[in-house]
Amino acid sequence: MESWKKAAITAAIGAGAILFMKKRFPAGVLATGVGLAVLASEYPEKFERVREKLPEYFERGMQVMEMASRAGRRLTWANASQTAMEAWEEIRG
């Protein structure tokens, strides 16, 4: 990869990270997108594989979020009837 592409990718993704930390989400998405677009132009076959697997990644992510949601509901229910210390002892086992 040419050095100017490495610099452009690093700068764009770094700027995106800084913008996300400053809560400027639209600008962060745009900057990160530019960096990913330059990276995708260098490795199109790898990005094609990622694009094909995106539905599977989203499905797994949704399963993880559902499990976290169920755990949160259980903790909320348990905390409603117990003190925080009792709930913590129950979680620790």
PDB file of N, CA and C in Angstrom:
ATOM      1  N   MET A   1       0.848  -1.167   0.000  1.00  0.00           N
ATOM      2  CA  MET A   1       0.000   0.000   0.000  1.00  0.00           C
ATOM      3  C   MET A   1       0.900   1.238   0.000  1.00  0.00           C
ATOM      4  N   GLU A   2       0.508   2.224  -0.761  1.00  0.00           N
ATOM      5  CA  GLU A   2       1.291   3.446  -0.850  1.00  0.00           C
ATOM      6  C   GLU A   2       1.203   4.229   0.458  1.00  0.00           C
ATOM      7  N   SER A   3       2.260   4.972   0.744  1.00  0.00           N
ATOM      8  CA  SER A   3       2.319   5.684   2.025  1.00  0.00           C
ATOM      9  C   SER A   3       1.238   6.753   2.148  1.00  0.00           C
ATOM     10  N   TRP A   4       0.837   7.384   1.044  1.00  0.00           N
ATOM     11  CA  TRP A   4      -0.201   8.408   1.150  1.00  0.00           C
ATOM     12  C   TRP A   4      -1.548   7.780   1.516  1.00  0.00           C
ATOM     13  N   LYS A   5      -1.773   6.545   1.053  1.00  0.00           N
ATOM     14  CA  LYS A   5      -3.019   5.871   1.420  1.00  0.00           C
ATOM     15  C   LYS A   5      -3.019   5.509   2.896  1.00  0.00           C
ATOM     16  N   LYS A   6      -1.880   5.030   3.399  1.00  0.00           N
ATOM     17  CA  LYS A   6      -1.773   4.718   4.826  1.00  0.00           C
ATOM     18  C   LYS A   6      -2.042   5.964   5.663  1.00  0.00           C
ATOM     19  N   ALA A   7      -1.456   7.088   5.233  1.00  0.00           N
ATOM     20  CA  ALA A   7      -1.644   8.341   5.970  1.00  0.00           C
ATOM     21  C   ALA A   7      -3.102   8.791   5.910  1.00  0.00           C
ATOM     22  N   ALA A   8      -3.730   8.671   4.749  1.00  0.00           N
ATOM     23  CA  ALA A   8      -5.130   9.085   4.609  1.00  0.00           C
ATOM     24  C   ALA A   8      -6.051   8.224   5.463  1.00  0.00           C
ATOM     25  N   ILE A   9      -5.816   6.928   5.478  1.00  0.00           N
ATOM     26  CA  ILE A   9      -6.636   6.015   6.276  1.00  0.00           C
ATOM     27  C   ILE A   9      -6.460   6.315   7.764  1.00  0.00           C
ATOM     28  N   THR A  10      -5.218   6.452   8.192  1.00  0.00           N
ATOM     29  CA  THR A  10      -4.943   6.728   9.604  1.00  0.00           C
ATOM     30  C   THR A  10      -5.554   8.059  10.038  1.00  0.00           C
ATOM     31  N   ALA A  11      -5.392   9.089   9.207  1.00  0.00           N
ATOM     32  CA  ALA A  11      -5.925  10.409   9.548  1.00  0.00           C
ATOM     33  C   ALA A  11      -7.451  10.390   9.601  1.00  0.00           C
ATOM     34  N   ALA A  12      -8.085   9.744   8.627  1.00  0.00           N
ATOM     35  CA  ALA A  12      -9.544   9.733   8.590  1.00  0.00           C
ATOM     36  C   ALA A  12     -10.133   8.956   9.760  1.00  0.00           C
ATOM     37  N   ILE A  13      -9.577   7.797  10.049  1.00  0.00           N
ATOM     38  CA  ILE A  13     -10.104   6.998  11.154  1.00  0.00           C
ATOM     39  C   ILE A  13      -9.774   7.662  12.493  1.00  0.00           C
ATOM     40  N   GLY A  14      -8.602   8.264  12.612  1.00  0.00           N
ATOM     41  CA  GLY A  14      -8.257   8.993  13.831  1.00  0.00           C
ATOM     42  C   GLY A  14      -9.168  10.188  14.046  1.00  0.00           C
ATOM     43  N   ALA A  15      -9.431  10.932  12.974  1.00  0.00           N
ATOM     44  CA  ALA A  15     -10.348  12.075  13.077  1.00  0.00           C
ATOM     45  C   ALA A  15     -11.746  11.600  13.451  1.00  0.00           C
ATOM     46  N   GLY A  16     -12.161  10.468  12.871  1.00  0.00           N
ATOM     47  CA  GLY A  16     -13.468   9.916  13.221  1.00  0.00           C
ATOM     48  C   GLY A  16     -13.552   9.561  14.694  1.00  0.00           C
ATOM     49  N   ALA A  17     -12.495   8.961  15.226  1.00  0.00           N
ATOM     50  CA  ALA A  17     -12.479   8.594  16.650  1.00  0.00           C
ATOM     51  C   ALA A  17     -12.566   9.842  17.536  1.00  0.00           C
ATOM     52  N   ILE A  18     -11.813  10.871  17.178  1.00  0.00           N
ATOM     53  CA  ILE A  18     -11.855  12.112  17.959  1.00  0.00           C
ATOM     54  C   ILE A  18     -13.238  12.744  17.887  1.00  0.00           C
ATOM     55  N   LEU A  19     -13.827  12.751  16.694  1.00  0.00           N
ATOM     56  CA  LEU A  19     -15.165  13.327  16.544  1.00  0.00           C
ATOM     57  C   LEU A  19     -16.200  12.539  17.344  1.00  0.00           C
ATOM     58  N   PHE A  20     -16.074  11.221  17.373  1.00  0.00           N
ATOM     59  CA  PHE A  20     -16.995  10.413  18.181  1.00  0.00           C
ATOM     60  C   PHE A  20     -16.844  10.754  19.660  1.00  0.00           C
ATOM     61  N   MET A  21     -15.603  10.921  20.120  1.00  0.00           N
ATOM     62  CA  MET A  21     -15.382  11.258  21.525  1.00  0.00           C
ATOM     63  C   MET A  21     -15.959  12.630  21.870  1.00  0.00           C
ATOM     64  N   LYS A  22     -15.973  13.532  20.889  1.00  0.00           N
ATOM     65  CA  LYS A  22     -16.541  14.865  21.114  1.00  0.00           C
ATOM     66  C   LYS A  22     -18.051  14.894  20.875  1.00  0.00           C
ATOM     67  N   LYS A  23     -18.631  13.712  20.650  1.00  0.00           N
ATOM     68  CA  LYS A  23     -20.073  13.549  20.432  1.00  0.00           C
ATOM     69  C   LYS A  23     -20.557  14.264  19.172  1.00  0.00           C
ATOM     70  N   ARG A  24     -19.722  14.323  18.165  1.00  0.00           N
ATOM     71  CA  ARG A  24     -20.107  14.867  16.865  1.00  0.00           C
ATOM     72  C   ARG A  24     -20.262  13.668  15.934  1.00  0.00           C
ATOM     73  N   PHE A  25     -21.322  12.921  16.174  1.00  0.00           N
ATOM     74  CA  PHE A  25     -21.513  11.620  15.533  1.00  0.00           C
ATOM     75  C   PHE A  25     -21.627  11.676  14.010  1.00  0.00           C
ATOM     76  N   PRO A  26     -22.410  12.577  13.416  1.00  0.00           N
ATOM     77  CA  PRO A  26     -22.475  12.592  11.949  1.00  0.00           C
ATOM     78  C   PRO A  26     -21.112  12.842  11.300  1.00  0.00           C
ATOM     79  N   ALA A  27     -20.349  13.778  11.853  1.00  0.00           N
ATOM     80  CA  ALA A  27     -19.022  14.052  11.308  1.00  0.00           C
ATOM     81  C   ALA A  27     -18.090  12.862  11.533  1.00  0.00           C
ATOM     82  N   GLY A  28     -18.232  12.195  12.669  1.00  0.00           N
ATOM     83  CA  GLY A  28     -17.413  11.017  12.949  1.00  0.00           C
ATOM     84  C   GLY A  28     -17.692   9.880  11.989  1.00  0.00           C
ATOM     85  N   VAL A  29     -18.971   9.679  11.687  1.00  0.00           N
ATOM     86  CA  VAL A  29     -19.347   8.637  10.728  1.00  0.00           C
ATOM     87  C   VAL A  29     -18.786   8.973   9.347  1.00  0.00           C
ATOM     88  N   LEU A  30     -18.885  10.236   8.966  1.00  0.00           N
ATOM     89  CA  LEU A  30     -18.375  10.652   7.658  1.00  0.00           C
ATOM     90  C   LEU A  30     -16.868  10.455   7.556  1.00  0.00           C
ATOM     91  N   ALA A  31     -16.122  10.893   8.567  1.00  0.00           N
ATOM     92  CA  ALA A  31     -14.666  10.754   8.541  1.00  0.00           C
ATOM     93  C   ALA A  31     -14.252   9.287   8.532  1.00  0.00           C
ATOM     94  N   THR A  32     -14.883   8.484   9.360  1.00  0.00           N
ATOM     95  CA  THR A  32     -14.563   7.060   9.393  1.00  0.00           C
ATOM     96  C   THR A  32     -14.923   6.398   8.077  1.00  0.00           C
ATOM     97  N   GLY A  33     -16.028   6.802   7.488  1.00  0.00           N
ATOM     98  CA  GLY A  33     -16.441   6.260   6.188  1.00  0.00           C
ATOM     99  C   GLY A  33     -15.427   6.546   5.096  1.00  0.00           C
ATOM    100  N   VAL A  34     -14.864   7.749   5.127  1.00  0.00           N
ATOM    101  CA  VAL A  34     -13.835   8.087   4.138  1.00  0.00           C
ATOM    102  C   VAL A  34     -12.627   7.172   4.302  1.00  0.00           C
ATOM    103  N   GLY A  35     -12.204   6.957   5.537  1.00  0.00           N
ATOM    104  CA  GLY A  35     -11.074   6.066   5.783  1.00  0.00           C
ATOM    105  C   GLY A  35     -11.350   4.644   5.337  1.00  0.00           C
ATOM    106  N   LEU A  36     -12.554   4.171   5.619  1.00  0.00           N
ATOM    107  CA  LEU A  36     -12.913   2.815   5.194  1.00  0.00           C
ATOM    108  C   LEU A  36     -13.036   2.709   3.674  1.00  0.00           C
ATOM    109  N   ALA A  37     -13.490   3.770   3.029  1.00  0.00           N
ATOM    110  CA  ALA A  37     -13.597   3.750   1.563  1.00  0.00           C
ATOM    111  C   ALA A  37     -12.221   3.648   0.920  1.00  0.00           C
ATOM    112  N   VAL A  38     -11.258   4.381   1.454  1.00  0.00           N
ATOM    113  CA  VAL A  38      -9.890   4.294   0.922  1.00  0.00           C
ATOM    114  C   VAL A  38      -9.328   2.901   1.168  1.00  0.00           C
ATOM    115  N   LEU A  39      -9.585   2.359   2.356  1.00  0.00           N
ATOM    116  CA  LEU A  39      -9.119   1.004   2.669  1.00  0.00           C
ATOM    117  C   LEU A  39      -9.790  -0.023   1.758  1.00  0.00           C
ATOM    118  N   ALA A  40     -11.071   0.149   1.504  1.00  0.00           N
ATOM    119  CA  ALA A  40     -11.792  -0.784   0.627  1.00  0.00           C
ATOM    120  C   ALA A  40     -11.279  -0.714  -0.806  1.00  0.00           C
ATOM    121  N   SER A  41     -10.823   0.445  -1.231  1.00  0.00           N
ATOM    122  CA  SER A  41     -10.289   0.554  -2.590  1.00  0.00           C
ATOM    123  C   SER A  41      -8.986  -0.232  -2.737  1.00  0.00           C
ATOM    124  N   GLU A  42      -8.288  -0.416  -1.640  1.00  0.00           N
ATOM    125  CA  GLU A  42      -7.035  -1.170  -1.671  1.00  0.00           C
ATOM    126  C   GLU A  42      -7.273  -2.677  -1.580  1.00  0.00           C
ATOM    127  N   TYR A  43      -8.285  -3.095  -0.818  1.00  0.00           N
ATOM    128  CA  TYR A  43      -8.568  -4.517  -0.612  1.00  0.00           C
ATOM    129  C   TYR A  43     -10.041  -4.828  -0.910  1.00  0.00           C
ATOM    130  N   PRO A  44     -10.475  -4.729  -2.151  1.00  0.00           N
ATOM    131  CA  PRO A  44     -11.901  -4.916  -2.454  1.00  0.00           C
ATOM    132  C   PRO A  44     -12.410  -6.335  -2.193  1.00  0.00           C
ATOM    133  N   GLU A  45     -11.572  -7.348  -2.387  1.00  0.00           N
ATOM    134  CA  GLU A  45     -12.032  -8.726  -2.198  1.00  0.00           C
ATOM    135  C   GLU A  45     -12.331  -9.027  -0.726  1.00  0.00           C
ATOM    136  N   LYS A  46     -11.562  -8.458   0.181  1.00  0.00           N
ATOM    137  CA  LYS A  46     -11.812  -8.683   1.607  1.00  0.00           C
ATOM    138  C   LYS A  46     -13.077  -7.962   2.067  1.00  0.00           C
ATOM    139  N   PHE A  47     -13.292  -6.763   1.549  1.00  0.00           N
ATOM    140  CA  PHE A  47     -14.502  -6.038   1.923  1.00  0.00           C
ATOM    141  C   PHE A  47     -15.746  -6.689   1.330  1.00  0.00           C
ATOM    142  N   GLU A  48     -15.607  -7.344   0.190  1.00  0.00           N
ATOM    143  CA  GLU A  48     -16.741  -8.057  -0.394  1.00  0.00           C
ATOM    144  C   GLU A  48     -17.162  -9.213   0.511  1.00  0.00           C
ATOM    145  N   ARG A  49     -16.178  -9.929   1.074  1.00  0.00           N
ATOM    146  CA  ARG A  49     -16.502 -11.015   2.001  1.00  0.00           C
ATOM    147  C   ARG A  49     -17.195 -10.486   3.253  1.00  0.00           C
ATOM    148  N   VAL A  50     -16.722  -9.369   3.774  1.00  0.00           N
ATOM    149  CA  VAL A  50     -17.348  -8.771   4.958  1.00  0.00           C
ATOM    150  C   VAL A  50     -18.782  -8.368   4.629  1.00  0.00           C
ATOM    151  N   ARG A  51     -18.977  -7.760   3.462  1.00  0.00           N
ATOM    152  CA  ARG A  51     -20.317  -7.320   3.059  1.00  0.00           C
ATOM    153  C   ARG A  51     -21.272  -8.502   2.938  1.00  0.00           C
ATOM    154  N   GLU A  52     -20.782  -9.616   2.456  1.00  0.00           N
ATOM    155  CA  GLU A  52     -21.621 -10.811   2.325  1.00  0.00           C
ATOM    156  C   GLU A  52     -21.993 -11.387   3.696  1.00  0.00           C
ATOM    157  N   LYS A  53     -21.119 -11.230   4.683  1.00  0.00           N
ATOM    158  CA  LYS A  53     -21.373 -11.792   6.013  1.00  0.00           C
ATOM    159  C   LYS A  53     -22.082 -10.826   6.958  1.00  0.00           C
ATOM    160  N   LEU A  54     -22.349  -9.607   6.533  1.00  0.00           N
ATOM    161  CA  LEU A  54     -22.988  -8.626   7.414  1.00  0.00           C
ATOM    162  C   LEU A  54     -24.301  -9.116   8.024  1.00  0.00           C
ATOM    163  N   PRO A  55     -25.201  -9.757   7.273  1.00  0.00           N
ATOM    164  CA  PRO A  55     -26.431 -10.232   7.916  1.00  0.00           C
ATOM    165  C   PRO A  55     -26.165 -11.192   9.077  1.00  0.00           C
ATOM    166  N   GLU A  56     -25.170 -12.050   8.927  1.00  0.00           N
ATOM    167  CA  GLU A  56     -24.819 -12.986  10.004  1.00  0.00           C
ATOM    168  C   GLU A  56     -24.282 -12.232  11.217  1.00  0.00           C
ATOM    169  N   TYR A  57     -23.443 -11.216  10.980  1.00  0.00           N
ATOM    170  CA  TYR A  57     -22.906 -10.417  12.076  1.00  0.00           C
ATOM    171  C   TYR A  57     -24.029  -9.696  12.821  1.00  0.00           C
ATOM    172  N   PHE A  58     -24.969  -9.128  12.076  1.00  0.00           N
ATOM    173  CA  PHE A  58     -26.086  -8.426  12.710  1.00  0.00           C
ATOM    174  C   PHE A  58     -26.945  -9.392  13.520  1.00  0.00           C
ATOM    175  N   GLU A  59     -27.172 -10.582  12.997  1.00  0.00           N
ATOM    176  CA  GLU A  59     -27.980 -11.574  13.718  1.00  0.00           C
ATOM    177  C   GLU A  59     -27.321 -11.942  15.037  1.00  0.00           C
ATOM    178  N   ARG A  60     -26.024 -12.177  15.005  1.00  0.00           N
ATOM    179  CA  ARG A  60     -25.310 -12.508  16.243  1.00  0.00           C
ATOM    180  C   ARG A  60     -25.340 -11.337  17.218  1.00  0.00           C
ATOM    181  N   GLY A  61     -25.181 -10.142  16.700  1.00  0.00           N
ATOM    182  CA  GLY A  61     -25.243  -8.964  17.554  1.00  0.00           C
ATOM    183  C   GLY A  61     -26.599  -8.814  18.214  1.00  0.00           C
ATOM    184  N   MET A  62     -27.659  -9.098  17.467  1.00  0.00           N
ATOM    185  CA  MET A  62     -29.004  -9.013  18.029  1.00  0.00           C
ATOM    186  C   MET A  62     -29.203 -10.071  19.116  1.00  0.00           C
ATOM    187  N   GLN A  63     -28.642 -11.257  18.936  1.00  0.00           N
ATOM    188  CA  GLN A  63     -28.742 -12.297  19.956  1.00  0.00           C
ATOM    189  C   GLN A  63     -28.042 -11.850  21.243  1.00  0.00           C
ATOM    190  N   VAL A  64     -26.869 -11.243  21.104  1.00  0.00           N
ATOM    191  CA  VAL A  64     -26.141 -10.763  22.275  1.00  0.00           C
ATOM    192  C   VAL A  64     -26.948  -9.673  22.978  1.00  0.00           C
ATOM    193  N   MET A  65     -27.528  -8.757  22.210  1.00  0.00           N
ATOM    194  CA  MET A  65     -28.316  -7.677  22.803  1.00  0.00           C
ATOM    195  C   MET A  65     -29.560  -8.228  23.503  1.00  0.00           C
ATOM    196  N   GLU A  66     -30.173  -9.258  22.934  1.00  0.00           N
ATOM    197  CA  GLU A  66     -31.344  -9.867  23.563  1.00  0.00           C
ATOM    198  C   GLU A  66     -30.965 -10.520  24.892  1.00  0.00           C
ATOM    199  N   MET A  67     -29.826 -11.214  24.927  1.00  0.00           N
ATOM    200  CA  MET A  67     -29.364 -11.823  26.173  1.00  0.00           C
ATOM    201  C   MET A  67     -29.078 -10.752  27.220  1.00  0.00           C
ATOM    202  N   ALA A  68     -28.455  -9.652  26.818  1.00  0.00           N
ATOM    203  CA  ALA A  68     -28.168  -8.569  27.758  1.00  0.00           C
ATOM    204  C   ALA A  68     -29.465  -7.948  28.273  1.00  0.00           C
ATOM    205  N   SER A  69     -30.442  -7.827  27.401  1.00  0.00           N
ATOM    206  CA  SER A  69     -31.724  -7.261  27.801  1.00  0.00           C
ATOM    207  C   SER A  69     -32.414  -8.158  28.825  1.00  0.00           C
ATOM    208  N   ARG A  70     -32.393  -9.460  28.573  1.00  0.00           N
ATOM    209  CA  ARG A  70     -33.000 -10.397  29.527  1.00  0.00           C
ATOM    210  C   ARG A  70     -32.291 -10.351  30.875  1.00  0.00           C
ATOM    211  N   ALA A  71     -30.968 -10.294  30.845  1.00  0.00           N
ATOM    212  CA  ALA A  71     -30.203 -10.209  32.096  1.00  0.00           C
ATOM    213  C   ALA A  71     -30.537  -8.919  32.835  1.00  0.00           C
ATOM    214  N   GLY A  72     -30.672  -7.828  32.101  1.00  0.00           N
ATOM    215  CA  GLY A  72     -31.034  -6.554  32.726  1.00  0.00           C
ATOM    216  C   GLY A  72     -32.406  -6.597  33.365  1.00  0.00           C
ATOM    217  N   ARG A  73     -33.363  -7.231  32.696  1.00  0.00           N
ATOM    218  CA  ARG A  73     -34.705  -7.362  33.274  1.00  0.00           C
ATOM    219  C   ARG A  73     -34.668  -8.192  34.545  1.00  0.00           C
ATOM    220  N   ARG A  74     -33.892  -9.268  34.527  1.00  0.00           N
ATOM    221  CA  ARG A  74     -33.781 -10.118  35.721  1.00  0.00           C
ATOM    222  C   ARG A  74     -33.142  -9.357  36.879  1.00  0.00           C
ATOM    223  N   LEU A  75     -32.099  -8.606  36.586  1.00  0.00           N
ATOM    224  CA  LEU A  75     -31.450  -7.829  37.641  1.00  0.00           C
ATOM    225  C   LEU A  75     -32.386  -6.762  38.189  1.00  0.00           C
ATOM    226  N   THR A  76     -33.146  -6.137  37.314  1.00  0.00           N
ATOM    227  CA  THR A  76     -34.092  -5.116  37.765  1.00  0.00           C
ATOM    228  C   THR A  76     -35.139  -5.739  38.666  1.00  0.00           C
ATOM    229  N   TRP A  77     -35.648  -6.882  38.274  1.00  0.00           N
ATOM    230  CA  TRP A  77     -36.654  -7.568  39.088  1.00  0.00           C
ATOM    231  C   TRP A  77     -36.064  -7.985  40.430  1.00  0.00           C
ATOM    232  N   ALA A  78     -34.839  -8.518  40.392  1.00  0.00           N
ATOM    233  CA  ALA A  78     -34.191  -8.961  41.627  1.00  0.00           C
ATOM    234  C   ALA A  78     -33.898  -7.774  42.541  1.00  0.00           C
ATOM    235  N   ASN A  79     -33.473  -6.674  41.978  1.00  0.00           N
ATOM    236  CA  ASN A  79     -33.141  -5.498  42.781  1.00  0.00           C
ATOM    237  C   ASN A  79     -34.374  -4.854  43.376  1.00  0.00           C
ATOM    238  N   ALA A  80     -35.513  -5.041  42.758  1.00  0.00           N
ATOM    239  CA  ALA A  80     -36.732  -4.450  43.295  1.00  0.00           C
ATOM    240  C   ALA A  80     -37.115  -5.107  44.619  1.00  0.00           C
ATOM    241  N   SER A  81     -36.716  -6.351  44.789  1.00  0.00           N
ATOM    242  CA  SER A  81     -37.099  -7.054  46.012  1.00  0.00           C
ATOM    243  C   SER A  81     -35.924  -7.291  46.965  1.00  0.00           C
ATOM    244  N   GLN A  82     -34.724  -6.851  46.590  1.00  0.00           N
ATOM    245  CA  GLN A  82     -33.552  -7.074  47.429  1.00  0.00           C
ATOM    246  C   GLN A  82     -32.757  -5.778  47.551  1.00  0.00           C
ATOM    247  N   THR A  83     -31.884  -5.763  48.520  1.00  0.00           N
ATOM    248  CA  THR A  83     -30.951  -4.650  48.600  1.00  0.00           C
ATOM    249  C   THR A  83     -29.854  -4.873  47.562  1.00  0.00           C
ATOM    250  N   ALA A  84     -29.100  -3.859  47.277  1.00  0.00           N
ATOM    251  CA  ALA A  84     -28.026  -3.965  46.286  1.00  0.00           C
ATOM    252  C   ALA A  84     -26.994  -5.003  46.704  1.00  0.00           C
ATOM    253  N   MET A  85     -26.695  -5.069  47.983  1.00  0.00           N
ATOM    254  CA  MET A  85     -25.689  -6.027  48.459  1.00  0.00           C
ATOM    255  C   MET A  85     -26.185  -7.455  48.294  1.00  0.00           C
ATOM    256  N   GLU A  86     -27.431  -7.707  48.590  1.00  0.00           N
ATOM    257  CA  GLU A  86     -27.983  -9.049  48.416  1.00  0.00           C
ATOM    258  C   GLU A  86     -27.975  -9.451  46.945  1.00  0.00           C
ATOM    259  N   ALA A  87     -28.308  -8.522  46.046  1.00  0.00           N
ATOM    260  CA  ALA A  87     -28.299  -8.819  44.610  1.00  0.00           C
ATOM    261  C   ALA A  87     -26.886  -9.124  44.134  1.00  0.00           C
ATOM    262  N   TRP A  88     -25.912  -8.352  44.613  1.00  0.00           N
ATOM    263  CA  TRP A  88     -24.522  -8.586  44.225  1.00  0.00           C
ATOM    264  C   TRP A  88     -24.057  -9.963  44.704  1.00  0.00           C
ATOM    265  N   GLU A  89     -24.383 -10.343  45.909  1.00  0.00           N
ATOM    266  CA  GLU A  89     -24.014 -11.652  46.435  1.00  0.00           C
ATOM    267  C   GLU A  89     -24.657 -12.766  45.608  1.00  0.00           C
ATOM    268  N   GLU A  90     -25.890 -12.545  45.175  1.00  0.00           N
ATOM    269  CA  GLU A  90     -26.556 -13.540  44.353  1.00  0.00           C
ATOM    270  C   GLU A  90     -25.893 -13.686  42.985  1.00  0.00           C
ATOM    271  N   ILE A  91     -25.468 -12.579  42.411  1.00  0.00           N
ATOM    272  CA  ILE A  91     -24.787 -12.618  41.104  1.00  0.00           C
ATOM    273  C   ILE A  91     -23.439 -13.317  41.219  1.00  0.00           C
ATOM    274  N   ARG A  92     -22.697 -12.992  42.274  1.00  0.00           N
ATOM    275  CA  ARG A  92     -21.364 -13.590  42.454  1.00  0.00           C
ATOM    276  C   ARG A  92     -21.445 -15.077  42.715  1.00  0.00           C
ATOM    277  N   GLY A  93     -22.540 -15.544  43.269  1.00  0.00           N
ATOM    278  CA  GLY A  93     -22.692 -16.975  43.493  1.00  0.00           C
ATOM    279  C   GLY A  93     -22.380 -17.341  44.833  1.00  0.00           C
TER     280      GLY A  93
END
